[in-house]
Amino acid sequence: MRLIFILIVFFNSLFANYFAEGMKEYRKGNEQKALELFRVSCKKDGVDSCYYIAEHFEAGFSLKKNNSYAKEFYEMSCNAGKYEACSRLAHSYLNGVFVEKNFVKALELYEIGCNQGKFSSDCEKVTMIYGKGIGRIKQDIKKSNEYLQKACDNGSYKFCFYLGNKLYRGKDMSKDYEKSFNLFDKVCTFTGMDKSCMMKGYFYFLGYGVEKDYYEAEVTFQYLCKNGYERACKALKDFYKEIDIKTNKLYLASKQKFLKKQKAKSYSIDPKTNLMWQDDLDSKNLKIDFQGAEQYCNNLTLGGHDDWRLPNATELKSLIDKNSKTKTISIINNFGFGTYWSSSIKTKNNIVWSINFKYSIRYAIPLKYPKYIRCVRGKNLPLDTSIFYTKPSRSK
């Protein structure tokens, strides 16, 4: 076994020398010999080496700028499965960068990047090319919609919003309010996009694709208005003109349902931040060290979601309500007075910022001590470093 390992290391180091030897020959002026070694390096050292060579020929780093060689090595890298190289070539063919414009080739390469590389940006390009038609490529709305879905599936929240809007309006596809609502909800939760959250609020108010819920509509408009979105402020005024929140039966029922639903599902949503918080017995009873806390949140599946994380210090601080008997905002059912981990590490001293809810203050805690955890999901709030300026206390 030891002999096999030594041989693997030997051959890996031997292959790695092809690039180095090629560079030596190139500096001596032996360009053809260098190119031969670079091509061997592509085959022996792997696609990353090939991509690296292409980048250097394109940019003129270490190697003299040469568009022909850049194209050659990008193609070799793309054909070998380095899909970033396919994307780079596609961009070049689309814009005429170091190659002549060729929209057909650009489309073919973007499709590879989307379908095999799973690059949402490449899916976006294919969506737009088919959507508009360009050069010899005819407009194809059906294919455009197909790649719009792929762009969304591969992580483009912007295109998820576009898809939700198309499904709502029935533009070039059948109307589907339920799918549309789910997309607006997804984009709102993970990006806080004003337009998407606004549509989510409207859908709750009108009962499009989701059960009519005046309370959900209200808190959505409140959240947006508080953050400066004028359309939401106007919608909130119109909402209060139409709905009397003290007497409207549907509003009162939806508010009660909202609170019961959150308690039953073991999580709570804070309408002020749009964050979803773990709210079960673990969140007030479980104490573990920092590494265990991170692992716990990363592995948590709750409420049908598996993308939970440890909150940063600003997010954790947003749960404090000094005027409450529980010292925690009212949406939290399973509250605790202990010290909770945040993900905000002060690496210099190998300690982590945490929040103590009994005294509504923050502590700097060494990683090894067991503390409470409350996981969160949703768009990260910006870290407010001002809460760290004063000298921290220590707690064990």
Protein backbone atom coordinates (compact mmCIF):
# COMPACT_ATOMS: atom_id res chain seq x y z
CA MET A 1 0.00 0.00 0.00
CA ARG A 2 2.84 2.36 0.90
CA LEU A 3 4.54 1.60 -2.46
CA ILE A 4 1.34 2.44 -4.37
CA PHE A 5 1.06 5.75 -2.52
CA ILE A 6 4.69 6.64 -3.34
CA LEU A 7 4.12 5.82 -7.02
CA ILE A 8 0.99 8.01 -7.14
CA VAL A 9 2.85 10.93 -5.62
CA PHE A 10 5.77 10.37 -8.04
CA PHE A 11 3.60 10.32 -11.15
CA ASN A 12 1.54 13.33 -9.99
CA SER A 13 4.71 15.34 -9.47
CA LEU A 14 6.02 14.15 -12.86
CA PHE A 15 2.88 15.33 -14.65
CA ALA A 16 2.92 18.64 -12.80
CA ASN A 17 6.37 19.27 -14.27
CA TYR A 18 5.02 19.37 -17.84
CA PHE A 19 3.63 22.85 -17.25
CA ALA A 20 6.79 24.02 -15.47
CA GLU A 21 8.98 22.63 -18.26
CA GLY A 22 6.74 24.28 -20.82
CA MET A 23 7.21 27.63 -19.08
CA LYS A 24 10.99 27.18 -19.15
CA GLU A 25 10.96 26.46 -22.88
CA TYR A 26 8.64 29.41 -23.49
CA ARG A 27 10.98 31.80 -21.68
CA LYS A 28 13.87 30.50 -23.78
CA GLY A 29 11.91 31.39 -26.92
CA ASN A 30 11.13 27.79 -27.88
CA GLU A 31 7.44 28.44 -28.42
CA GLN A 32 6.57 25.24 -30.30
CA LYS A 33 8.30 23.03 -27.74
CA ALA A 34 6.50 24.92 -24.97
CA LEU A 35 3.15 24.40 -26.68
CA GLU A 36 3.80 20.66 -26.98
CA LEU A 37 4.49 20.50 -23.25
CA PHE A 38 1.42 22.60 -22.46
CA ARG A 39 -0.75 20.23 -24.50
CA VAL A 40 0.68 17.25 -22.65
CA SER A 41 0.05 19.11 -19.40
CA CYS A 42 -3.60 19.49 -20.45
CA LYS A 43 -3.97 15.75 -20.87
CA LYS A 44 -1.83 14.64 -17.94
CA ASP A 45 -2.26 17.32 -15.29
CA GLY A 46 -6.01 17.68 -15.74
CA VAL A 47 -8.53 20.25 -16.89
CA ASP A 48 -7.57 22.86 -14.30
CA SER A 49 -4.08 23.09 -15.76
CA CYS A 50 -5.53 23.47 -19.24
CA TYR A 51 -7.89 26.22 -18.10
CA TYR A 52 -5.01 27.99 -16.34
CA ILE A 53 -2.95 28.01 -19.55
CA ALA A 54 -5.90 29.38 -21.55
CA GLU A 55 -6.43 32.20 -19.05
CA HIS A 56 -2.76 33.20 -19.28
CA PHE A 57 -2.80 33.27 -23.08
CA GLU A 58 -6.00 35.34 -23.04
CA ALA A 59 -4.85 37.88 -20.47
CA GLY A 60 -1.15 37.97 -21.26
CA PHE A 61 -0.07 36.89 -17.77
CA SER A 62 3.30 35.08 -17.82
CA LEU A 63 2.57 34.13 -21.43
CA LYS A 64 2.36 36.56 -24.33
CA LYS A 65 -1.26 37.33 -25.21
CA ASN A 66 -2.37 35.02 -28.01
CA ASN A 67 -6.06 34.69 -28.88
CA SER A 68 -5.58 31.61 -31.03
CA TYR A 69 -3.84 29.67 -28.26
CA ALA A 70 -6.36 30.90 -25.67
CA LYS A 71 -9.19 29.53 -27.81
CA GLU A 72 -7.37 26.22 -28.32
CA PHE A 73 -6.77 25.60 -24.62
CA TYR A 74 -10.25 26.75 -23.57
CA GLU A 75 -11.69 24.27 -26.07
CA MET A 76 -9.50 21.46 -24.75
CA SER A 77 -10.54 22.31 -21.21
CA CYS A 78 -14.23 22.52 -22.11
CA ASN A 79 -14.15 19.20 -23.98
CA ALA A 80 -12.50 17.58 -20.97
CA GLY A 81 -15.33 18.67 -18.68
CA LYS A 82 -14.17 22.01 -17.28
CA TYR A 83 -17.51 23.75 -17.76
CA GLU A 84 -16.15 27.14 -16.68
CA ALA A 85 -14.13 27.00 -19.90
CA CYS A 86 -17.31 26.36 -21.91
CA SER A 87 -18.87 29.42 -20.29
CA ARG A 88 -15.81 31.54 -21.05
CA LEU A 89 -15.87 30.48 -24.69
CA ALA A 90 -19.61 31.12 -24.91
CA HIS A 91 -19.10 34.66 -23.61
CA SER A 92 -16.33 35.19 -26.13
CA TYR A 93 -18.41 33.99 -29.08
CA LEU A 94 -21.38 36.08 -27.96
CA ASN A 95 -19.37 39.29 -27.63
CA GLY A 96 -16.54 38.73 -30.10
CA VAL A 97 -13.82 38.64 -27.44
CA PHE A 98 -10.61 37.07 -28.87
CA VAL A 99 -12.78 35.17 -31.40
CA GLU A 100 -15.23 36.22 -34.11
CA LYS A 101 -18.83 36.54 -33.02
CA ASN A 102 -20.74 33.32 -33.49
CA PHE A 103 -24.14 33.23 -31.80
CA VAL A 104 -24.80 29.59 -32.67
CA LYS A 105 -21.58 28.43 -30.99
CA ALA A 106 -22.25 30.75 -28.05
CA LEU A 107 -25.68 29.17 -27.55
CA GLU A 108 -24.32 25.62 -27.79
CA LEU A 109 -21.67 26.36 -25.16
CA TYR A 110 -24.07 28.17 -22.84
CA GLU A 111 -26.38 25.15 -23.03
CA ILE A 112 -23.49 22.92 -21.93
CA GLY A 113 -22.73 25.27 -19.05
CA CYS A 114 -26.38 25.24 -18.00
CA ASN A 115 -27.22 21.57 -18.46
CA GLN A 116 -23.93 19.99 -17.38
CA GLY A 117 -22.20 22.69 -15.35
CA LYS A 118 -25.46 23.75 -13.65
CA PHE A 119 -24.42 27.40 -13.94
CA SER A 120 -27.48 29.57 -13.43
CA SER A 121 -25.83 32.46 -15.30
CA ASP A 122 -25.49 30.25 -18.40
CA CYS A 123 -29.14 29.21 -18.10
CA GLU A 124 -30.03 32.91 -17.95
CA LYS A 125 -28.13 33.56 -21.19
CA VAL A 126 -29.89 30.70 -22.99
CA THR A 127 -33.25 31.98 -21.71
CA MET A 128 -32.59 35.44 -23.14
CA ILE A 129 -31.16 34.20 -26.46
CA TYR A 130 -34.17 31.98 -27.15
CA GLY A 131 -36.52 34.63 -25.75
CA LYS A 132 -35.41 37.35 -28.16
CA GLY A 133 -33.80 35.48 -31.03
CA ILE A 134 -30.42 36.66 -32.21
CA GLY A 135 -28.57 36.32 -35.53
CA ARG A 136 -29.49 33.01 -37.14
CA ILE A 137 -31.13 31.79 -33.95
CA LYS A 138 -34.89 32.15 -34.15
CA GLN A 139 -37.04 33.14 -31.23
CA ASP A 140 -38.29 30.05 -29.39
CA ILE A 141 -40.49 30.94 -26.42
CA LYS A 142 -41.02 27.31 -25.42
CA LYS A 143 -37.28 26.72 -25.07
CA SER A 144 -36.84 30.09 -23.41
CA ASN A 145 -39.35 29.10 -20.74
CA GLU A 146 -37.66 25.72 -20.34
CA TYR A 147 -34.33 27.39 -19.57
CA LEU A 148 -36.04 29.99 -17.40
CA GLN A 149 -37.12 27.11 -15.17
CA LYS A 150 -33.57 25.69 -15.22
CA ALA A 151 -32.10 29.06 -14.28
CA CYS A 152 -34.42 29.16 -11.29
CA ASP A 153 -33.69 25.54 -10.33
CA ASN A 154 -29.94 26.24 -10.48
CA GLY A 155 -30.16 29.13 -8.05
CA SER A 156 -31.04 32.30 -9.96
CA TYR A 157 -33.55 33.99 -7.66
CA LYS A 158 -33.96 36.84 -10.14
CA PHE A 159 -35.16 34.38 -12.77
CA CYS A 160 -37.36 32.62 -10.20
CA PHE A 161 -39.10 35.97 -9.81
CA TYR A 162 -39.46 36.31 -13.59
CA LEU A 163 -40.94 32.81 -13.74
CA GLY A 164 -43.35 33.59 -10.92
CA ASN A 165 -44.45 36.73 -12.74
CA LYS A 166 -45.03 34.81 -15.98
CA LEU A 167 -47.09 32.18 -14.18
CA TYR A 168 -49.13 34.93 -12.51
CA ARG A 169 -49.84 36.82 -15.72
CA GLY A 170 -50.14 33.75 -17.94
CA LYS A 171 -47.59 35.25 -20.31
CA ASP A 172 -46.42 32.61 -22.82
CA MET A 173 -47.52 29.87 -20.40
CA SER A 174 -50.61 28.75 -18.52
CA LYS A 175 -51.54 30.69 -15.40
CA ASP A 176 -50.65 28.89 -12.18
CA TYR A 177 -51.20 31.01 -9.09
CA GLU A 178 -50.04 28.32 -6.68
CA LYS A 179 -46.65 27.86 -8.37
CA SER A 180 -46.39 31.61 -8.78
CA PHE A 181 -46.99 32.18 -5.06
CA ASN A 182 -44.42 29.54 -4.07
CA LEU A 183 -41.80 31.23 -6.25
CA PHE A 184 -42.54 34.71 -4.89
CA ASP A 185 -42.39 33.30 -1.36
CA LYS A 186 -39.06 31.59 -2.06
CA VAL A 187 -37.44 34.70 -3.54
CA CYS A 188 -38.79 36.90 -0.76
CA THR A 189 -37.50 34.56 1.95
CA PHE A 190 -33.98 34.16 0.60
CA THR A 191 -33.27 37.53 -1.02
CA GLY A 192 -35.72 39.97 0.50
CA MET A 193 -36.46 41.26 -3.02
CA ASP A 194 -39.03 44.03 -2.55
CA LYS A 195 -41.06 43.21 -5.65
CA SER A 196 -41.26 39.52 -4.78
CA CYS A 197 -42.28 40.16 -1.17
CA MET A 198 -44.87 42.65 -2.44
CA MET A 199 -46.39 40.02 -4.72
CA LYS A 200 -46.41 37.57 -1.82
CA GLY A 201 -48.39 40.09 0.23
CA TYR A 202 -50.87 40.69 -2.59
CA PHE A 203 -51.39 36.96 -3.06
CA TYR A 204 -52.18 36.56 0.64
CA PHE A 205 -54.58 39.51 0.49
CA LEU A 206 -56.40 38.28 -2.63
CA GLY A 207 -56.14 34.54 -1.94
CA TYR A 208 -54.28 33.79 -5.17
CA GLY A 209 -52.63 30.36 -5.05
CA VAL A 210 -52.82 30.35 -1.27
CA GLU A 211 -55.59 30.61 1.30
CA LYS A 212 -56.63 34.24 1.83
CA ASP A 213 -54.77 35.53 4.89
CA TYR A 214 -55.15 39.17 5.90
CA TYR A 215 -52.69 38.92 8.77
CA GLU A 216 -49.90 37.52 6.57
CA ALA A 217 -50.63 40.26 4.05
CA GLU A 218 -50.43 42.93 6.75
CA VAL A 219 -47.11 41.79 8.23
CA THR A 220 -45.60 41.48 4.75
CA PHE A 221 -46.61 45.05 3.84
CA GLN A 222 -45.40 46.25 7.26
CA TYR A 223 -42.01 44.64 6.76
CA LEU A 224 -41.56 46.24 3.33
CA CYS A 225 -42.83 49.67 4.39
CA LYS A 226 -40.52 49.72 7.40
CA ASN A 227 -37.62 49.07 5.03
CA GLY A 228 -38.53 52.00 2.80
CA TYR A 229 -40.52 50.37 -0.01
CA GLU A 230 -43.09 53.07 -0.88
CA ARG A 231 -45.45 50.78 -2.79
CA ALA A 232 -45.86 48.71 0.36
CA CYS A 233 -46.60 51.81 2.46
CA LYS A 234 -49.38 52.74 0.04
CA ALA A 235 -50.67 49.16 0.04
CA LEU A 236 -50.68 49.18 3.86
CA LYS A 237 -52.75 52.39 3.94
CA ASP A 238 -55.23 50.89 1.48
CA PHE A 239 -55.29 47.71 3.55
CA TYR A 240 -56.29 49.59 6.72
CA LYS A 241 -58.97 51.53 4.82
CA GLU A 242 -60.57 48.26 3.77
CA ILE A 243 -59.85 46.01 6.77
CA ASP A 244 -60.70 46.85 10.38
CA ILE A 245 -58.11 44.77 12.23
CA LYS A 246 -60.08 45.03 15.50
CA THR A 247 -63.33 43.59 14.18
CA ASN A 248 -62.67 41.84 10.87
CA LYS A 249 -63.33 38.16 11.55
CA LEU A 250 -61.12 36.88 8.74
CA TYR A 251 -58.22 39.03 9.94
CA LEU A 252 -58.58 37.94 13.57
CA ALA A 253 -58.93 34.30 12.57
CA SER A 254 -55.89 34.44 10.28
CA LYS A 255 -53.81 36.07 13.02
CA GLN A 256 -54.75 33.35 15.50
CA LYS A 257 -54.10 30.69 12.87
CA PHE A 258 -50.68 32.20 12.12
CA LEU A 259 -49.63 31.98 15.78
CA LYS A 260 -50.99 28.45 16.20
CA LYS A 261 -49.36 27.29 12.96
CA GLN A 262 -45.97 28.57 14.04
CA LYS A 263 -46.23 26.88 17.42
CA ALA A 264 -47.36 23.59 15.87
CA LYS A 265 -44.59 23.57 13.27
CA SER A 266 -41.82 24.23 15.80
CA TYR A 267 -40.61 27.37 14.07
CA SER A 268 -41.53 31.05 14.15
CA ILE A 269 -41.29 33.77 11.51
CA ASP A 270 -40.33 37.27 12.57
CA PRO A 271 -42.25 39.68 10.28
CA LYS A 272 -39.80 42.50 11.07
CA THR A 273 -36.77 40.66 9.67
CA ASN A 274 -38.49 37.95 7.58
CA LEU A 275 -36.28 35.36 9.28
CA MET A 276 -37.57 31.91 10.23
CA TRP A 277 -36.41 30.75 13.68
CA GLN A 278 -36.21 27.30 15.21
CA ASP A 279 -38.79 27.26 18.02
CA ASP A 280 -38.92 23.80 19.57
CA LEU A 281 -37.82 22.22 22.85
CA ASP A 282 -34.24 21.88 21.60
CA SER A 283 -34.05 25.65 21.22
CA LYS A 284 -34.42 26.13 24.97
CA ASN A 285 -32.93 22.91 26.36
CA LEU A 286 -29.99 21.82 24.18
CA LYS A 287 -26.49 23.00 25.19
CA ILE A 288 -23.41 22.07 23.12
CA ASP A 289 -20.05 23.54 22.14
CA PHE A 290 -19.62 25.85 19.15
CA GLN A 291 -18.53 23.20 16.65
CA GLY A 292 -21.43 21.00 17.68
CA ALA A 293 -23.82 23.95 17.37
CA GLU A 294 -22.72 24.66 13.80
CA GLN A 295 -23.05 21.00 12.87
CA TYR A 296 -26.46 20.74 14.54
CA CYS A 297 -27.89 23.66 12.53
CA ASN A 298 -26.34 22.46 9.27
CA ASN A 299 -27.93 19.02 9.77
CA LEU A 300 -31.29 20.25 11.08
CA THR A 301 -34.47 19.41 9.17
CA LEU A 302 -37.47 21.28 10.55
CA GLY A 303 -40.77 22.41 9.08
CA GLY A 304 -39.90 20.68 5.81
CA HIS A 305 -36.70 22.73 5.44
CA ASP A 306 -33.08 21.56 5.59
CA ASP A 307 -31.24 24.86 4.99
CA TRP A 308 -30.94 26.00 8.59
CA ARG A 309 -27.82 27.77 9.88
CA LEU A 310 -26.40 29.32 13.03
CA PRO A 311 -27.47 33.01 13.21
CA ASN A 312 -24.97 35.85 13.22
CA ALA A 313 -24.82 38.14 16.26
CA THR A 314 -27.03 40.84 14.72
CA GLU A 315 -29.74 38.31 13.85
CA LEU A 316 -29.64 36.80 17.34
CA LYS A 317 -29.80 40.26 18.92
CA SER A 318 -32.98 41.00 16.93
CA LEU A 319 -34.81 38.49 19.17
CA ILE A 320 -34.23 40.59 22.31
CA ASP A 321 -37.17 42.46 23.84
CA LYS A 322 -36.04 44.04 27.12
CA ASN A 323 -39.61 45.05 28.03
CA SER A 324 -40.95 41.51 27.77
CA LYS A 325 -41.09 39.17 30.76
CA THR A 326 -39.37 36.54 28.62
CA LYS A 327 -36.76 39.07 27.36
CA THR A 328 -37.58 37.67 23.90
CA ILE A 329 -39.84 38.99 21.13
CA SER A 330 -43.40 37.67 21.29
CA ILE A 331 -43.21 35.31 18.30
CA ILE A 332 -40.89 32.94 20.20
CA ASN A 333 -42.79 30.30 22.18
CA ASN A 334 -39.89 28.24 23.52
CA PHE A 335 -37.79 30.96 25.11
CA GLY A 336 -34.77 30.53 27.37
CA PHE A 337 -32.86 32.92 29.62
CA GLY A 338 -29.46 31.42 28.87
CA THR A 339 -26.58 32.36 26.56
CA TYR A 340 -27.00 31.45 22.88
CA TRP A 341 -24.32 30.88 20.24
CA SER A 342 -24.00 33.14 17.20
CA SER A 343 -21.88 32.38 14.13
CA SER A 344 -19.86 35.61 14.55
CA ILE A 345 -16.35 34.45 15.40
CA LYS A 346 -13.71 36.74 16.84
CA THR A 347 -10.88 34.69 15.34
CA LYS A 348 -8.02 36.63 16.88
CA ASN A 349 -8.90 35.38 20.36
CA ASN A 350 -10.58 32.15 19.21
CA ILE A 351 -13.89 33.18 20.77
CA VAL A 352 -17.44 33.62 19.50
CA TRP A 353 -19.93 36.39 20.14
CA SER A 354 -23.09 35.20 21.86
CA ILE A 355 -26.23 36.72 23.37
CA ASN A 356 -27.46 36.26 26.93
CA PHE A 357 -31.23 36.72 27.00
CA LYS A 358 -31.56 37.01 30.78
CA TYR A 359 -29.55 40.23 30.86
CA SER A 360 -30.04 41.24 27.18
CA ILE A 361 -26.30 41.57 26.63
CA ARG A 362 -23.66 39.93 24.47
CA TYR A 363 -20.71 37.84 25.62
CA ALA A 364 -17.50 36.63 24.00
CA ILE A 365 -17.36 32.88 24.61
CA PRO A 366 -14.48 30.42 24.06
CA LEU A 367 -15.42 27.76 21.50
CA LYS A 368 -15.23 24.82 23.90
CA TYR A 369 -17.98 25.83 26.35
CA PRO A 370 -21.50 24.39 25.93
CA LYS A 371 -24.16 27.04 25.20
CA TYR A 372 -27.73 27.10 23.87
CA ILE A 373 -28.58 27.15 20.17
CA ARG A 374 -31.43 28.54 18.09
CA CYS A 375 -31.03 27.97 14.35
CA VAL A 376 -32.34 30.31 11.66
CA ARG A 377 -33.05 30.33 7.94
CA GLY A 378 -33.51 33.11 5.38
CA LYS A 379 -31.48 36.00 3.99
CA ASN A 380 -28.51 36.96 6.18
CA LEU A 381 -28.88 40.27 7.99
CA PRO A 382 -25.83 42.57 7.69
CA LEU A 383 -23.55 42.22 10.69
CA ASP A 384 -23.69 45.37 12.85
CA THR A 385 -20.11 45.60 14.15
CA SER A 386 -21.01 48.45 16.52
CA ILE A 387 -22.28 45.90 19.02
CA PHE A 388 -18.72 44.61 19.35
CA TYR A 389 -16.95 47.89 20.08
CA THR A 390 -16.98 47.76 23.87
CA LYS A 391 -14.76 45.36 25.78
CA PRO A 392 -16.62 42.04 26.02
CA SER A 393 -17.36 40.16 29.20
CA ARG A 394 -16.50 36.49 29.53
CA SER A 395 -18.83 33.72 30.55
CA LYS A 396 -18.25 30.05 31.21
